[in-house]
């Protein structure tokens, strides 16, 4: 059995705050098209609309979208439990990023454990992003580029799977490098390190 013992994140970008005049707004209809991934009880009041992923059964893990009265997306949060989120984006009237909290590598976890190997999952936000490359480095080995697919549970999320040979290994360090472009065409690089230890 493995547990995560440390997580270190670096985000490198030309600019995190948007000053572009390009209209990058995301509307309600473009998000709700994957209806099967959202809770049926959509919340609507004088401030706007709240839309939530169904997420994993009996958990609060999943995305939360807040739209204004004109049905333009103003914020997105990815929750890891009922009260805490790991990632958030806040948008201006033109749909540009006003601020970001956290890391678009939303979740990373052990999916399968075998005697001499594990399979590790990485869930990455694709909202307003064009992912160019996602690569990993296992215990200072060669970098490997992974192929991902749209997740079947969460909206606007891609899942990447990576098997690791753990024979004789008790401590694991996984370096992750994500390269993507935002709506304005700016390239952003995210570096992430995950440390695991066999109990």
Protein backbone atom coordinates (compact mmCIF):
# COMPACT_ATOMS: atom_id res chain seq x y z
CA UNK A 1 0.00 0.00 0.00
CA UNK A 2 1.26 3.46 -0.87
CA UNK A 3 0.62 6.90 0.58
CA UNK A 4 1.48 10.34 -0.76
CA UNK A 5 3.95 11.93 1.63
CA UNK A 6 4.82 15.20 -0.15
CA UNK A 7 3.60 17.34 -3.00
CA UNK A 8 5.51 20.24 -4.53
CA UNK A 9 4.14 22.42 -7.29
CA UNK A 10 5.70 25.00 -9.59
CA UNK A 11 3.72 26.90 -12.20
CA UNK A 12 5.59 28.72 -14.98
CA UNK A 13 3.69 31.00 -17.32
CA UNK A 14 4.13 34.03 -19.52
CA UNK A 15 1.18 35.58 -17.71
CA UNK A 16 -1.33 34.20 -15.24
CA UNK A 17 -3.69 37.17 -15.38
CA UNK A 18 -5.43 37.97 -18.63
CA UNK A 19 -5.18 41.41 -20.24
CA UNK A 20 -6.25 40.24 -23.68
CA UNK A 21 -9.24 41.71 -25.51
CA UNK A 22 -9.98 38.34 -27.15
CA UNK A 23 -13.38 36.93 -26.23
CA UNK A 24 -12.69 33.64 -24.47
CA UNK A 25 -16.00 33.41 -22.62
CA UNK A 26 -17.44 29.96 -21.90
CA UNK A 27 -21.22 29.74 -21.95
CA UNK A 28 -23.64 27.46 -20.15
CA UNK A 29 -24.71 25.56 -23.28
CA UNK A 30 -21.16 24.53 -24.14
CA UNK A 31 -20.73 22.99 -20.68
CA UNK A 32 -24.12 21.34 -20.20
CA UNK A 33 -23.83 19.36 -23.46
CA UNK A 34 -22.43 16.45 -21.43
CA UNK A 35 -25.65 16.21 -19.42
CA UNK A 36 -24.93 12.72 -18.12
CA UNK A 37 -21.99 14.06 -16.06
CA UNK A 38 -23.95 16.63 -14.04
CA UNK A 39 -26.23 16.50 -11.05
CA UNK A 40 -29.89 16.78 -12.14
CA UNK A 41 -30.60 19.45 -9.50
CA UNK A 42 -29.25 22.60 -11.17
CA UNK A 43 -29.29 25.56 -8.77
CA UNK A 44 -30.48 28.90 -10.11
CA UNK A 45 -31.07 32.20 -8.29
CA UNK A 46 -30.83 35.96 -8.86
CA UNK A 47 -27.03 35.78 -9.14
CA UNK A 48 -26.90 33.07 -11.78
CA UNK A 49 -26.64 29.31 -12.24
CA UNK A 50 -24.66 26.71 -10.31
CA UNK A 51 -23.82 23.46 -12.11
CA UNK A 52 -22.10 20.49 -10.43
CA UNK A 53 -20.49 17.28 -11.66
CA UNK A 54 -22.11 14.09 -10.44
CA UNK A 55 -18.59 12.99 -9.56
CA UNK A 56 -17.70 9.77 -7.80
CA UNK A 57 -20.60 8.06 -6.05
CA UNK A 58 -21.04 9.00 -2.37
CA UNK A 59 -18.29 11.60 -2.53
CA UNK A 60 -18.17 15.33 -3.21
CA UNK A 61 -15.30 15.02 -5.70
CA UNK A 62 -15.99 16.91 -8.92
CA UNK A 63 -16.25 20.23 -10.72
CA UNK A 64 -18.46 23.19 -9.82
CA UNK A 65 -19.37 25.79 -12.46
CA UNK A 66 -20.85 29.20 -11.61
CA UNK A 67 -22.48 31.22 -14.39
CA UNK A 68 -23.79 34.77 -14.26
CA UNK A 69 -27.32 35.78 -15.35
CA UNK A 70 -26.18 35.97 -18.98
CA UNK A 71 -25.03 32.34 -18.69
CA UNK A 72 -21.33 33.17 -18.99
CA UNK A 73 -18.94 31.17 -16.82
CA UNK A 74 -17.49 33.25 -13.99
CA UNK A 75 -15.79 30.57 -11.89
CA UNK A 76 -14.80 26.92 -11.91
CA UNK A 77 -13.70 24.88 -8.89
CA UNK A 78 -12.70 21.25 -8.60
CA UNK A 79 -13.63 19.85 -5.18
CA UNK A 80 -11.75 16.99 -3.52
CA UNK A 81 -14.27 16.73 -0.66
CA UNK A 82 -17.37 18.55 0.56
CA UNK A 83 -15.56 21.67 1.76
CA UNK A 84 -12.22 21.84 -0.03
CA UNK A 85 -11.21 22.36 -3.64
CA UNK A 86 -7.80 21.70 -5.21
CA UNK A 87 -8.14 24.01 -8.21
CA UNK A 88 -10.09 27.11 -9.14
CA UNK A 89 -10.30 29.57 -12.04
CA UNK A 90 -12.09 32.93 -12.01
CA UNK A 91 -13.09 34.69 -15.24
CA UNK A 92 -13.74 38.29 -16.30
CA UNK A 93 -16.54 39.52 -18.59
CA UNK A 94 -14.60 38.55 -21.72
CA UNK A 95 -13.88 35.06 -20.40
CA UNK A 96 -10.24 35.78 -19.66
CA UNK A 97 -8.60 34.44 -16.52
CA UNK A 98 -8.70 36.89 -13.60
CA UNK A 99 -7.05 34.55 -11.11
CA UNK A 100 -6.10 30.91 -10.59
CA UNK A 101 -5.75 28.85 -7.43
CA UNK A 102 -3.96 25.52 -7.40
CA UNK A 103 -2.88 23.20 -10.17
CA UNK A 104 -4.74 21.88 -13.26
CA UNK A 105 -3.37 18.41 -12.40
CA UNK A 106 -6.47 17.94 -10.26
CA UNK A 107 -5.98 14.50 -8.75
CA UNK A 108 -3.23 11.90 -8.85
CA UNK A 109 -3.73 8.52 -7.21
CA UNK A 110 -2.81 4.85 -7.21
CA UNK A 111 -5.33 2.90 -9.27
CA UNK A 112 -3.96 -0.65 -9.13
CA UNK A 113 -1.44 -2.31 -6.84
CA UNK A 114 0.36 -5.54 -7.76
CA UNK A 115 3.28 -7.31 -6.14
CA UNK A 116 5.90 -5.63 -8.31
CA UNK A 117 4.01 -2.79 -10.00
CA UNK A 118 1.43 -0.06 -9.58
CA UNK A 119 -0.79 1.86 -11.99
CA UNK A 120 -1.06 5.58 -11.31
CA UNK A 121 -3.83 7.91 -12.51
CA UNK A 122 -3.53 11.61 -13.29
CA UNK A 123 -6.68 13.74 -13.82
CA UNK A 124 -6.08 17.02 -15.65
CA UNK A 125 -8.46 19.93 -16.26
CA UNK A 126 -9.04 20.73 -19.93
CA UNK A 127 -11.44 23.64 -19.38
CA UNK A 128 -10.31 26.39 -21.77
CA UNK A 129 -7.07 24.53 -22.41
CA UNK A 130 -5.40 22.76 -25.32
CA UNK A 131 -3.07 20.17 -23.81
CA UNK A 132 0.13 19.85 -25.82
CA UNK A 133 2.03 17.32 -23.75
CA UNK A 134 1.95 15.49 -20.44
CA UNK A 135 5.08 13.61 -19.41
CA UNK A 136 6.37 11.92 -16.27
CA UNK A 137 9.66 10.85 -14.76
CA UNK A 138 9.75 7.88 -12.36
CA UNK A 139 12.59 7.89 -9.79
CA UNK A 140 14.86 9.94 -12.10
CA UNK A 141 14.44 7.60 -15.07
CA UNK A 142 13.83 8.81 -18.62
CA UNK A 143 10.88 11.11 -19.25
CA UNK A 144 7.84 9.34 -20.75
CA UNK A 145 5.04 11.12 -22.64
CA UNK A 146 1.60 9.76 -21.79
CA UNK A 147 -1.56 9.64 -23.90
CA UNK A 148 -4.80 10.60 -22.20
CA UNK A 149 -8.51 10.28 -22.85
CA UNK A 150 -11.59 12.22 -21.80
CA UNK A 151 -12.69 11.00 -18.39
CA UNK A 152 -16.00 9.14 -18.21
CA UNK A 153 -16.97 10.65 -14.83
CA UNK A 154 -15.78 14.26 -14.68
CA UNK A 155 -16.57 16.98 -17.22
CA UNK A 156 -13.68 18.80 -18.93
CA UNK A 157 -11.13 16.40 -17.47
CA UNK A 158 -8.64 14.07 -19.16
CA UNK A 159 -7.30 10.96 -17.44
CA UNK A 160 -3.76 9.68 -17.96
CA UNK A 161 -2.66 6.25 -16.73
CA UNK A 162 0.94 5.17 -16.08
CA UNK A 163 2.21 1.76 -14.94
CA UNK A 164 5.37 1.64 -12.80
CA UNK A 165 7.66 -1.27 -11.98
CA UNK A 166 8.09 -1.17 -8.20
CA UNK A 167 10.04 -4.36 -7.61
CA UNK A 168 12.33 -3.73 -4.64
CA UNK A 169 11.22 -0.07 -4.47
CA UNK A 170 9.82 1.40 -1.26
CA UNK A 171 10.01 5.11 -2.07
CA UNK A 172 8.79 6.61 -5.33
CA UNK A 173 9.24 10.09 -6.74
CA UNK A 174 7.10 10.99 -9.76
CA UNK A 175 7.96 14.19 -11.61
CA UNK A 176 5.15 15.51 -13.83
CA UNK A 177 5.32 18.10 -16.60
CA UNK A 178 2.19 19.50 -18.22
CA UNK A 179 2.34 21.84 -21.22
CA UNK A 180 -0.84 23.50 -22.48
CA UNK A 181 -2.09 26.60 -24.28
CA UNK A 182 -4.95 28.73 -23.02
CA UNK A 183 -7.65 30.41 -25.10
CA UNK A 184 -5.37 33.37 -25.79
CA UNK A 185 -2.66 31.09 -27.20
CA UNK A 186 -0.24 31.52 -24.28
CA UNK A 187 1.82 28.44 -23.47
CA UNK A 188 1.86 27.45 -19.81
CA UNK A 189 4.10 24.86 -18.17
CA UNK A 190 3.21 23.13 -14.89
CA UNK A 191 5.78 21.07 -12.97
CA UNK A 192 4.57 18.80 -10.19
CA UNK A 193 6.34 16.28 -7.92
CA UNK A 194 4.58 13.47 -6.09
CA UNK A 195 6.30 11.32 -3.46
CA UNK A 196 4.97 7.90 -2.46
CA UNK A 197 6.11 5.50 0.22
CA UNK A 198 5.11 1.87 0.67
CA UNK A 199 3.67 1.29 4.15
